[in-house]
Amino acid sequence: MRKDLGVEGLGDLVKRPFVATLATYRRDGSVLLSPVWHEWAGGGFNVIANADDVKTRHIRNDPRASLVLYDNDPPYRGVEIRTTPRIIVDGAHDVLRRIAIRYLGKERGEAYASTPSGEEIVIRLEPGDLRTWDFADDEF
């Protein structure tokens, strides 16, 4: 297994429309795992949420989060980041539109992004602690 590759060493993994898992922390210290759409841009992950979403509230109360993204099929590659995310308001709708089109295609993505669902924010996760893996050299 290859490790510590950096995100660029994982080929097209972060460009594929896989659902990632975002971990945030409840007030009692327990973890909430949430499936999320994402985009990799500018050296970090963007995740869309509503301003009053539970994930957003968790981050405001306890600014720790982790995100894991992995391939379900061989060669089983993945990335995990643990970081202090930022909440970004400006440009959130543009990020939502890009992400929706990425996962749903142009027509359905545009329709999804144009449906009001509250005030969107971007949860920005830039690598703090980064872990990567790739089993491409292993035989299955």
Protein backbone atom coordinates (compact mmCIF):
# COMPACT_ATOMS: atom_id res chain seq x y z
CA MET A 1 0.00 0.00 0.00
CA ARG A 2 1.31 3.42 -0.92
CA LYS A 3 0.88 6.14 1.74
CA ASP A 4 1.61 9.83 2.15
CA LEU A 5 1.14 10.51 -1.54
CA GLY A 6 -0.42 13.92 -1.30
CA VAL A 7 -3.78 14.45 -2.93
CA GLU A 8 -2.19 14.88 -6.37
CA GLY A 9 -0.81 11.33 -6.07
CA LEU A 10 -4.33 9.88 -5.97
CA GLY A 11 -5.07 10.44 -9.66
CA ASP A 12 -8.63 11.52 -10.36
CA LEU A 13 -10.06 10.52 -6.95
CA VAL A 14 -10.99 14.02 -5.77
CA LYS A 15 -12.47 14.87 -9.18
CA ARG A 16 -14.86 11.90 -9.13
CA PRO A 17 -18.38 12.53 -7.78
CA PHE A 18 -18.07 10.18 -4.82
CA VAL A 19 -19.97 10.99 -1.65
CA ALA A 20 -17.57 11.88 1.15
CA THR A 21 -18.14 11.50 4.90
CA LEU A 22 -17.83 14.58 7.10
CA ALA A 23 -17.29 14.15 10.84
CA THR A 24 -18.33 16.95 13.21
CA TYR A 25 -18.61 16.97 17.00
CA ARG A 26 -21.74 17.26 19.11
CA ARG A 27 -21.76 19.21 22.39
CA ASP A 28 -21.37 15.95 24.33
CA GLY A 29 -18.21 15.13 22.35
CA SER A 30 -19.75 12.35 20.27
CA VAL A 31 -19.23 12.35 16.52
CA LEU A 32 -21.84 12.97 13.83
CA LEU A 33 -20.96 11.35 10.49
CA SER A 34 -22.68 13.00 7.52
CA PRO A 35 -22.58 11.96 3.87
CA VAL A 36 -21.76 15.07 1.82
CA TRP A 37 -21.24 16.24 -1.72
CA HIS A 38 -17.96 18.09 -2.13
CA GLU A 39 -15.53 19.69 -4.50
CA TRP A 40 -11.76 19.81 -4.31
CA ALA A 41 -10.61 23.33 -5.18
CA GLY A 42 -7.57 25.39 -4.32
CA GLY A 43 -5.99 22.72 -2.15
CA GLY A 44 -9.02 21.92 -0.01
CA PHE A 45 -12.54 20.56 0.10
CA ASN A 46 -15.67 22.69 -0.17
CA VAL A 47 -18.85 21.27 1.33
CA ILE A 48 -22.20 23.06 1.13
CA ALA A 49 -24.53 23.29 4.12
CA ASN A 50 -27.27 25.60 5.30
CA ALA A 51 -26.38 28.28 7.84
CA ASP A 52 -28.67 26.62 10.41
CA ASP A 53 -27.70 23.02 9.57
CA VAL A 54 -26.57 20.74 12.39
CA LYS A 55 -23.12 20.36 10.80
CA THR A 56 -22.70 24.15 10.76
CA ARG A 57 -23.83 24.45 14.38
CA HIS A 58 -21.39 21.73 15.40
CA ILE A 59 -18.47 23.51 13.71
CA ARG A 60 -19.40 26.81 15.33
CA ASN A 61 -19.48 25.11 18.75
CA ASP A 62 -16.43 22.86 18.30
CA PRO A 63 -14.17 23.87 15.41
CA ARG A 64 -12.85 20.41 14.59
CA ALA A 65 -13.85 18.32 11.62
CA SER A 66 -12.63 15.44 9.50
CA LEU A 67 -13.52 14.39 6.00
CA VAL A 68 -12.83 11.06 4.36
CA LEU A 69 -13.19 10.30 0.67
CA TYR A 70 -12.42 6.90 -0.77
CA ASP A 71 -12.92 4.69 -3.78
CA ASN A 72 -15.16 1.64 -3.24
CA ASP A 73 -13.52 -0.33 -6.05
CA PRO A 74 -9.93 -1.42 -6.53
CA PRO A 75 -7.37 0.04 -6.27
CA TYR A 76 -8.97 1.30 -3.02
CA ARG A 77 -7.48 4.72 -2.69
CA GLY A 78 -8.53 7.47 -0.35
CA VAL A 79 -7.84 10.64 1.56
CA GLU A 80 -8.67 11.75 5.08
CA ILE A 81 -8.19 15.25 6.42
CA ARG A 82 -8.50 16.44 10.01
CA THR A 83 -8.66 20.17 10.34
CA THR A 84 -10.26 23.29 11.71
CA PRO A 85 -12.73 24.23 8.97
CA ARG A 86 -13.77 27.74 8.02
CA ILE A 87 -17.33 28.80 7.36
CA ILE A 88 -17.59 30.97 4.25
CA VAL A 89 -20.73 32.86 3.25
CA ASP A 90 -19.58 34.83 0.20
CA GLY A 91 -19.89 32.87 -3.03
CA ALA A 92 -21.65 29.93 -1.41
CA HIS A 93 -24.39 29.78 -4.03
CA ASP A 94 -21.81 29.56 -6.83
CA VAL A 95 -20.15 26.65 -5.02
CA LEU A 96 -23.54 24.99 -4.56
CA ARG A 97 -24.25 25.33 -8.28
CA ARG A 98 -20.88 23.81 -9.28
CA ILE A 99 -21.26 20.93 -6.85
CA ALA A 100 -24.88 20.21 -7.85
CA ILE A 101 -23.94 20.14 -11.56
CA ARG A 102 -21.01 17.86 -10.76
CA TYR A 103 -23.24 15.30 -9.02
CA LEU A 104 -26.48 15.66 -10.99
CA GLY A 105 -25.46 16.88 -14.45
CA LYS A 106 -26.09 20.32 -15.95
CA GLU A 107 -29.88 20.40 -16.20
CA ARG A 108 -30.73 18.69 -12.90
CA GLY A 109 -27.88 20.46 -11.11
CA GLU A 110 -29.09 23.89 -12.25
CA ALA A 111 -32.62 23.03 -11.10
CA TYR A 112 -31.36 21.79 -7.74
CA ALA A 113 -29.26 24.91 -7.19
CA SER A 114 -32.16 27.20 -8.07
CA THR A 115 -34.49 25.65 -5.47
CA PRO A 116 -34.43 27.77 -2.29
CA SER A 117 -33.32 25.77 0.74
CA GLY A 118 -32.19 28.45 3.17
CA GLU A 119 -29.00 30.41 3.45
CA GLU A 120 -26.12 28.34 2.06
CA ILE A 121 -22.63 28.44 3.49
CA VAL A 122 -19.42 26.70 2.48
CA ILE A 123 -17.63 24.52 4.97
CA ARG A 124 -14.03 24.91 3.82
CA LEU A 125 -11.68 22.10 4.86
CA GLU A 126 -8.04 22.67 4.06
CA PRO A 127 -5.63 19.94 5.03
CA GLY A 128 -4.35 20.13 8.56
CA ASP A 129 -3.50 16.49 9.15
CA LEU A 130 -3.64 14.66 5.84
CA ARG A 131 -3.62 10.89 5.35
CA THR A 132 -3.72 9.24 1.93
CA TRP A 133 -3.58 5.65 0.74
CA ASP A 134 -3.56 3.78 -2.55
CA PHE A 135 -3.47 0.02 -3.07
CA ALA A 136 -2.62 0.33 -6.80
CA ASP A 137 0.59 -1.66 -6.37
CA ASP A 138 -1.12 -4.49 -4.48
CA GLU A 139 -2.66 -7.48 -6.19
CA PHE A 140 -6.29 -8.39 -5.52
